[in-house]
Amino acid sequence: MHPALSAFPSNIFYEGSLQNGVTAAERTKSSVDFPWPMVDKPMFFYVTTGQEEIASSGTSYLNRTEAANVEKIVTRFLRSGVKPDQIGIITPYEGQRAYLVQYMAFNGALHAKLYQVCSHLCTQQLSDHLPCKPGHKFDLACIVFTLNISKPSAI
């Protein structure tokens, strides 16, 4: 994990005691041309306002605007040189997961097969479907996490 990403959990949950096994230079992908807001910190929060709606299952939620923005970000990563199997997409809602898979396949700017490789990582429960449990490593260059917040005042 990039040290800029581990700083928050280290400081908040572990009193700053977490140690990184790699340096920032080792986790920086110089070949990836992505417009990070802060070049030395490869992360950002992209707030999307869109209408949350009940998914067709009737038991979950989706946000179409958020899905469209996820597709744009994933497309940008792909065009920047990130391999499809290095992109993880995480959402806590099954309705959003199903909609994202469908949306990227039919509306993505690139070939649908590229999004299919990404979408195998598009999961409702990170720990249930990805090959990552606490302490395990896997080679993802980026993770796109979607989180529906029904009250804009909560942002």
Protein backbone atom coordinates (compact mmCIF):
# COMPACT_ATOMS: atom_id res chain seq x y z
CA MET A 1 0.00 0.00 0.00
CA HIS A 2 1.22 3.48 -0.79
CA PRO A 3 2.34 5.23 2.42
CA ALA A 4 -0.03 8.14 1.70
CA LEU A 5 -2.94 5.69 1.79
CA SER A 6 -1.85 3.89 4.94
CA ALA A 7 -1.31 7.12 6.90
CA PHE A 8 -4.98 7.52 7.80
CA PRO A 9 -5.65 4.04 9.26
CA SER A 10 -2.23 4.06 10.91
CA ASN A 11 -2.85 7.35 12.69
CA ILE A 12 -6.54 6.89 13.49
CA PHE A 13 -6.68 3.21 14.44
CA TYR A 14 -3.11 2.22 15.34
CA GLU A 15 -1.65 5.35 16.96
CA GLY A 16 0.75 5.79 14.04
CA SER A 17 2.39 2.41 14.56
CA LEU A 18 1.69 0.77 11.18
CA GLN A 19 4.80 0.32 9.10
CA ASN A 20 4.89 0.20 5.33
CA GLY A 21 6.70 -2.57 3.55
CA VAL A 22 7.37 -0.26 0.60
CA THR A 23 8.32 3.34 0.04
CA ALA A 24 6.23 5.88 -1.84
CA ALA A 25 8.65 5.62 -4.78
CA GLU A 26 8.14 1.84 -4.95
CA ARG A 27 4.34 2.23 -5.07
CA THR A 28 4.28 5.08 -7.58
CA LYS A 29 3.50 3.96 -11.10
CA SER A 30 5.37 6.53 -13.17
CA SER A 31 4.13 4.94 -16.39
CA VAL A 32 0.51 5.77 -15.46
CA ASP A 33 -0.56 9.15 -16.73
CA PHE A 34 -3.39 10.05 -14.37
CA PRO A 35 -4.17 13.62 -13.24
CA TRP A 36 -3.96 13.12 -9.48
CA PRO A 37 -4.89 16.34 -7.64
CA MET A 38 -1.74 15.90 -5.52
CA VAL A 39 0.94 14.03 -7.46
CA ASP A 40 2.64 12.68 -4.32
CA LYS A 41 -0.65 11.35 -2.93
CA PRO A 42 -2.35 8.98 -5.40
CA MET A 43 -5.87 9.36 -4.04
CA PHE A 44 -8.83 11.66 -4.30
CA PHE A 45 -12.48 11.91 -3.36
CA TYR A 46 -14.90 12.61 -6.18
CA VAL A 47 -18.27 13.67 -4.82
CA THR A 48 -21.16 12.81 -7.11
CA THR A 49 -24.62 14.16 -6.63
CA GLY A 50 -27.24 11.98 -8.20
CA GLN A 51 -30.53 10.43 -7.31
CA GLU A 52 -30.32 7.23 -5.33
CA GLU A 53 -33.03 4.78 -6.37
CA ILE A 54 -34.17 1.31 -5.46
CA ALA A 55 -32.68 -1.34 -7.74
CA SER A 56 -34.86 -3.77 -9.69
CA SER A 57 -34.38 -6.38 -6.95
CA GLY A 58 -36.35 -4.12 -4.62
CA THR A 59 -33.86 -4.78 -1.84
CA SER A 60 -30.84 -2.69 -2.85
CA TYR A 61 -29.90 0.70 -4.23
CA LEU A 62 -28.18 2.25 -7.22
CA ASN A 63 -27.11 5.69 -8.38
CA ARG A 64 -26.87 6.09 -12.16
CA THR A 65 -24.88 9.33 -12.00
CA GLU A 66 -22.31 7.71 -9.74
CA ALA A 67 -22.05 4.72 -12.10
CA ALA A 68 -21.43 7.02 -15.08
CA ASN A 69 -18.65 8.76 -13.16
CA VAL A 70 -17.09 5.44 -12.12
CA GLU A 71 -17.01 4.42 -15.79
CA LYS A 72 -15.27 7.70 -16.70
CA ILE A 73 -12.66 7.22 -13.97
CA VAL A 74 -12.07 3.56 -14.92
CA THR A 75 -11.78 4.55 -18.59
CA ARG A 76 -9.23 7.22 -17.67
CA PHE A 77 -7.20 4.67 -15.71
CA LEU A 78 -7.31 2.23 -18.63
CA ARG A 79 -6.24 4.92 -21.11
CA SER A 80 -3.48 5.94 -18.69
CA GLY A 81 -1.85 2.53 -18.87
CA VAL A 82 -3.42 0.68 -15.94
CA LYS A 83 -4.24 -2.92 -16.87
CA PRO A 84 -7.88 -3.97 -16.43
CA ASP A 85 -6.98 -6.64 -13.87
CA GLN A 86 -5.28 -3.97 -11.75
CA ILE A 87 -8.49 -2.00 -11.24
CA GLY A 88 -10.75 -2.86 -8.33
CA ILE A 89 -14.25 -1.47 -8.03
CA ILE A 90 -15.96 -1.82 -4.67
CA THR A 91 -19.52 -0.94 -3.79
CA PRO A 92 -21.54 -1.84 -0.71
CA TYR A 93 -24.78 -2.25 -2.70
CA GLU A 94 -25.61 -5.24 -4.88
CA GLY A 95 -27.90 -3.03 -6.98
CA GLN A 96 -25.04 -0.64 -7.70
CA ARG A 97 -22.70 -3.54 -8.48
CA ALA A 98 -25.12 -5.04 -10.99
CA TYR A 99 -25.80 -1.66 -12.59
CA LEU A 100 -22.06 -0.83 -12.82
CA VAL A 101 -21.28 -4.10 -14.58
CA GLN A 102 -24.10 -3.51 -17.08
CA TYR A 103 -23.37 0.20 -17.54
CA MET A 104 -19.67 -0.27 -18.23
CA ALA A 105 -20.32 -3.11 -20.69
CA PHE A 106 -22.86 -1.15 -22.74
CA ASN A 107 -21.80 2.48 -22.26
CA GLY A 108 -18.05 2.34 -21.71
CA ALA A 109 -15.92 4.37 -24.10
CA LEU A 110 -13.55 1.43 -24.66
CA HIS A 111 -14.08 -2.18 -25.78
CA ALA A 112 -16.52 -4.01 -23.52
CA LYS A 113 -14.00 -6.81 -22.82
CA LEU A 114 -11.74 -4.37 -20.99
CA TYR A 115 -14.56 -3.54 -18.61
CA GLN A 116 -15.45 -7.21 -18.16
CA VAL A 117 -12.00 -7.84 -16.70
CA CYS A 118 -12.48 -4.90 -14.35
CA SER A 119 -16.00 -5.97 -13.49
CA HIS A 120 -14.93 -9.33 -12.09
CA LEU A 121 -13.56 -7.22 -9.27
CA CYS A 122 -16.75 -5.19 -9.00
CA THR A 123 -18.05 -6.67 -5.83
CA GLN A 124 -20.55 -6.15 -3.09
CA GLN A 125 -18.34 -7.43 -0.30
CA LEU A 126 -14.61 -6.89 -0.68
CA SER A 127 -13.64 -9.68 1.70
CA ASP A 128 -16.07 -12.20 0.18
CA HIS A 129 -14.98 -11.94 -3.44
CA LEU A 130 -11.51 -10.48 -3.78
CA PRO A 131 -8.38 -12.47 -3.04
CA CYS A 132 -7.64 -10.17 -0.13
CA LYS A 133 -8.05 -10.76 3.52
CA PRO A 134 -6.34 -8.61 6.14
CA GLY A 135 -2.61 -8.96 5.67
CA HIS A 136 -2.74 -10.46 2.17
CA LYS A 137 -1.30 -8.71 -0.87
CA PHE A 138 -2.68 -8.35 -4.35
CA ASP A 139 -1.58 -6.27 -7.30
CA LEU A 140 -4.12 -3.53 -7.87
CA ALA A 141 -2.96 -0.22 -9.23
CA CYS A 142 -6.19 1.50 -8.23
CA ILE A 143 -9.38 0.96 -6.33
CA VAL A 144 -12.56 2.85 -7.10
CA PHE A 145 -14.90 2.77 -4.12
CA THR A 146 -18.50 3.86 -4.52
CA LEU A 147 -20.58 4.91 -1.58
CA ASN A 148 -24.14 6.10 -1.87
CA ILE A 149 -25.09 8.73 0.66
CA SER A 150 -28.75 9.49 0.61
CA LYS A 151 -28.46 12.78 2.49
CA PRO A 152 -26.29 15.41 0.75
CA SER A 153 -25.86 17.12 4.12
CA ALA A 154 -23.85 14.08 5.24
CA ILE A 155 -21.03 14.95 2.84
